Amino acid sequence: MAPPNTWFATTKDTVGTTNPGSAKDSLSGTLTTVVNGTDIQTYVDKPPTLEPGTTGIFTFQRQVK
């Protein structure tokens, strides 16, 4: 049995009044985050309606604490 994944607990993506977090959608989708204090806990990306064969990129960065 594999050990649990703990990377999220040891990293952070800080959100504040001048920093909206690192998440980006190359297709300008709707990005929603769930924040605990100043750390983003969940990223949700709702892309726009896409034509068949369309591709896009959702990226985010987390900093090691």
N, C-alpha and C. Protein backbone atom coordinates (compact mmCIF):
# COMPACT_ATOMS: atom_id res chain seq x y z
N MET A 1 0.85 -1.19 0.00
CA MET A 1 0.00 0.00 0.00
C MET A 1 0.89 1.24 0.00
N ALA A 2 0.59 2.16 -0.88
CA ALA A 2 1.38 3.40 -0.99
C ALA A 2 1.07 4.33 0.18
N PRO A 3 2.07 5.08 0.63
CA PRO A 3 1.82 6.06 1.70
C PRO A 3 0.93 7.18 1.17
N PRO A 4 0.23 7.88 2.07
CA PRO A 4 -0.64 8.97 1.63
C PRO A 4 0.17 10.11 0.98
N ASN A 5 -0.47 10.82 0.08
CA ASN A 5 0.15 11.95 -0.59
C ASN A 5 0.09 13.16 0.34
N THR A 6 1.22 13.73 0.69
CA THR A 6 1.26 14.85 1.64
C THR A 6 1.83 16.13 1.02
N TRP A 7 1.99 16.18 -0.29
CA TRP A 7 2.62 17.35 -0.90
C TRP A 7 1.83 18.63 -0.62
N PHE A 8 0.50 18.54 -0.55
CA PHE A 8 -0.32 19.74 -0.36
C PHE A 8 -0.07 20.37 1.00
N ALA A 9 0.13 19.55 2.02
CA ALA A 9 0.35 20.06 3.38
C ALA A 9 1.69 20.76 3.53
N THR A 10 2.63 20.47 2.64
CA THR A 10 3.97 21.06 2.78
C THR A 10 4.22 22.16 1.76
N THR A 11 3.17 22.61 1.08
CA THR A 11 3.30 23.69 0.11
C THR A 11 2.23 24.74 0.35
N LYS A 12 2.36 25.90 -0.30
CA LYS A 12 1.36 26.95 -0.14
C LYS A 12 1.23 27.75 -1.43
N ASP A 13 0.07 28.32 -1.64
CA ASP A 13 -0.20 29.28 -2.72
C ASP A 13 -0.94 30.41 -2.03
N THR A 14 -0.20 31.46 -1.71
CA THR A 14 -0.74 32.55 -0.89
C THR A 14 -1.65 33.45 -1.70
N VAL A 15 -2.77 33.78 -1.12
CA VAL A 15 -3.70 34.71 -1.72
C VAL A 15 -3.86 35.90 -0.76
N GLY A 16 -3.94 37.08 -1.32
CA GLY A 16 -4.09 38.28 -0.50
C GLY A 16 -4.74 39.38 -1.31
N THR A 17 -4.74 40.58 -0.78
CA THR A 17 -5.41 41.68 -1.46
C THR A 17 -4.71 42.07 -2.76
N THR A 18 -3.39 41.86 -2.85
CA THR A 18 -2.67 42.18 -4.08
C THR A 18 -2.23 40.94 -4.84
N ASN A 19 -2.48 39.76 -4.30
CA ASN A 19 -2.06 38.51 -4.93
C ASN A 19 -3.26 37.58 -5.03
N PRO A 20 -3.80 37.36 -6.23
CA PRO A 20 -4.98 36.50 -6.37
C PRO A 20 -4.66 35.01 -6.41
N GLY A 21 -3.41 34.64 -6.21
CA GLY A 21 -3.00 33.24 -6.33
C GLY A 21 -2.43 33.00 -7.71
N SER A 22 -1.91 31.82 -7.93
CA SER A 22 -1.17 31.55 -9.15
C SER A 22 -1.99 30.91 -10.27
N ALA A 23 -3.21 30.47 -10.01
CA ALA A 23 -3.98 29.71 -11.00
C ALA A 23 -4.27 30.53 -12.25
N LYS A 24 -4.10 29.85 -13.40
CA LYS A 24 -4.36 30.49 -14.69
C LYS A 24 -5.00 29.47 -15.63
N ASP A 25 -5.89 29.95 -16.50
CA ASP A 25 -6.54 29.12 -17.52
C ASP A 25 -6.26 29.78 -18.86
N SER A 26 -5.63 29.07 -19.78
CA SER A 26 -5.26 29.66 -21.07
C SER A 26 -6.48 30.01 -21.92
N LEU A 27 -7.65 29.49 -21.57
CA LEU A 27 -8.87 29.76 -22.33
C LEU A 27 -9.79 30.75 -21.62
N SER A 28 -9.29 31.40 -20.59
CA SER A 28 -10.07 32.38 -19.82
C SER A 28 -11.30 31.77 -19.18
N GLY A 29 -11.16 30.55 -18.68
CA GLY A 29 -12.26 29.91 -17.96
C GLY A 29 -12.50 30.59 -16.62
N THR A 30 -13.53 30.17 -15.93
CA THR A 30 -13.84 30.71 -14.61
C THR A 30 -13.04 29.96 -13.57
N LEU A 31 -12.18 30.66 -12.83
CA LEU A 31 -11.37 30.06 -11.79
C LEU A 31 -11.96 30.40 -10.43
N THR A 32 -12.14 29.38 -9.62
CA THR A 32 -12.65 29.55 -8.27
C THR A 32 -11.68 28.87 -7.31
N THR A 33 -11.40 29.51 -6.19
CA THR A 33 -10.52 28.91 -5.20
C THR A 33 -11.22 28.89 -3.84
N VAL A 34 -10.85 27.92 -3.04
CA VAL A 34 -11.31 27.85 -1.65
C VAL A 34 -10.08 28.16 -0.80
N VAL A 35 -10.21 29.14 0.07
CA VAL A 35 -9.07 29.64 0.84
C VAL A 35 -9.26 29.33 2.31
N ASN A 36 -8.17 28.91 2.97
CA ASN A 36 -8.14 28.72 4.41
C ASN A 36 -7.09 29.69 4.94
N GLY A 37 -7.52 30.78 5.56
CA GLY A 37 -6.59 31.83 5.96
C GLY A 37 -6.10 32.54 4.71
N THR A 38 -4.80 32.42 4.41
CA THR A 38 -4.26 33.01 3.19
C THR A 38 -3.77 31.95 2.21
N ASP A 39 -4.00 30.66 2.51
CA ASP A 39 -3.54 29.58 1.64
C ASP A 39 -4.71 29.01 0.84
N ILE A 40 -4.53 28.91 -0.46
CA ILE A 40 -5.55 28.30 -1.31
C ILE A 40 -5.58 26.80 -1.04
N GLN A 41 -6.75 26.27 -0.76
CA GLN A 41 -6.91 24.85 -0.45
C GLN A 41 -7.45 24.05 -1.62
N THR A 42 -8.26 24.68 -2.49
CA THR A 42 -8.89 23.99 -3.61
C THR A 42 -8.90 24.91 -4.83
N TYR A 43 -8.60 24.35 -5.99
CA TYR A 43 -8.68 25.06 -7.26
C TYR A 43 -9.78 24.41 -8.10
N VAL A 44 -10.68 25.22 -8.65
CA VAL A 44 -11.72 24.72 -9.55
C VAL A 44 -11.65 25.56 -10.82
N ASP A 45 -11.53 24.90 -11.96
CA ASP A 45 -11.45 25.58 -13.25
C ASP A 45 -12.64 25.14 -14.09
N LYS A 46 -13.49 26.08 -14.46
CA LYS A 46 -14.62 25.78 -15.33
C LYS A 46 -14.34 26.44 -16.68
N PRO A 47 -13.86 25.64 -17.65
CA PRO A 47 -13.53 26.21 -18.95
C PRO A 47 -14.78 26.64 -19.70
N PRO A 48 -14.62 27.52 -20.68
CA PRO A 48 -15.76 27.91 -21.50
C PRO A 48 -16.21 26.73 -22.37
N THR A 49 -17.32 26.87 -23.05
CA THR A 49 -17.76 25.84 -23.99
C THR A 49 -16.71 25.70 -25.08
N LEU A 50 -16.30 24.48 -25.32
CA LEU A 50 -15.21 24.23 -26.26
C LEU A 50 -15.70 23.49 -27.50
N GLU A 51 -15.12 23.83 -28.62
CA GLU A 51 -15.37 23.09 -29.85
C GLU A 51 -14.57 21.79 -29.79
N PRO A 52 -15.03 20.73 -30.46
CA PRO A 52 -14.26 19.48 -30.49
C PRO A 52 -12.83 19.72 -30.96
N GLY A 53 -11.89 19.09 -30.27
CA GLY A 53 -10.48 19.22 -30.64
C GLY A 53 -9.77 20.41 -30.02
N THR A 54 -10.50 21.29 -29.34
CA THR A 54 -9.88 22.44 -28.69
C THR A 54 -9.10 21.98 -27.46
N THR A 55 -7.95 22.57 -27.24
CA THR A 55 -7.17 22.25 -26.04
C THR A 55 -6.88 23.53 -25.28
N GLY A 56 -6.59 23.37 -24.01
CA GLY A 56 -6.25 24.49 -23.16
C GLY A 56 -5.35 24.01 -22.04
N ILE A 57 -4.84 24.95 -21.27
CA ILE A 57 -3.92 24.62 -20.19
C ILE A 57 -4.39 25.30 -18.90
N PHE A 58 -4.50 24.51 -17.84
CA PHE A 58 -4.77 25.01 -16.50
C PHE A 58 -3.48 24.83 -15.71
N THR A 59 -2.95 25.92 -15.14
CA THR A 59 -1.71 25.83 -14.38
C THR A 59 -1.88 26.48 -13.01
N PHE A 60 -1.11 25.99 -12.07
CA PHE A 60 -0.99 26.63 -10.75
C PHE A 60 0.38 26.27 -10.20
N GLN A 61 0.85 27.10 -9.30
CA GLN A 61 2.16 26.87 -8.67
C GLN A 61 2.00 26.93 -7.17
N ARG A 62 2.70 26.02 -6.48
CA ARG A 62 2.70 26.03 -5.03
C ARG A 62 4.15 26.13 -4.57
N GLN A 63 4.37 26.91 -3.53
CA GLN A 63 5.71 27.12 -3.00
C GLN A 63 5.93 26.20 -1.80
N VAL A 64 7.10 25.58 -1.73
CA VAL A 64 7.41 24.74 -0.59
C VAL A 64 7.50 25.63 0.64
N LYS A 65 6.82 25.21 1.72
CA LYS A 65 6.81 26.01 2.97
C LYS A 65 8.15 26.00 3.63
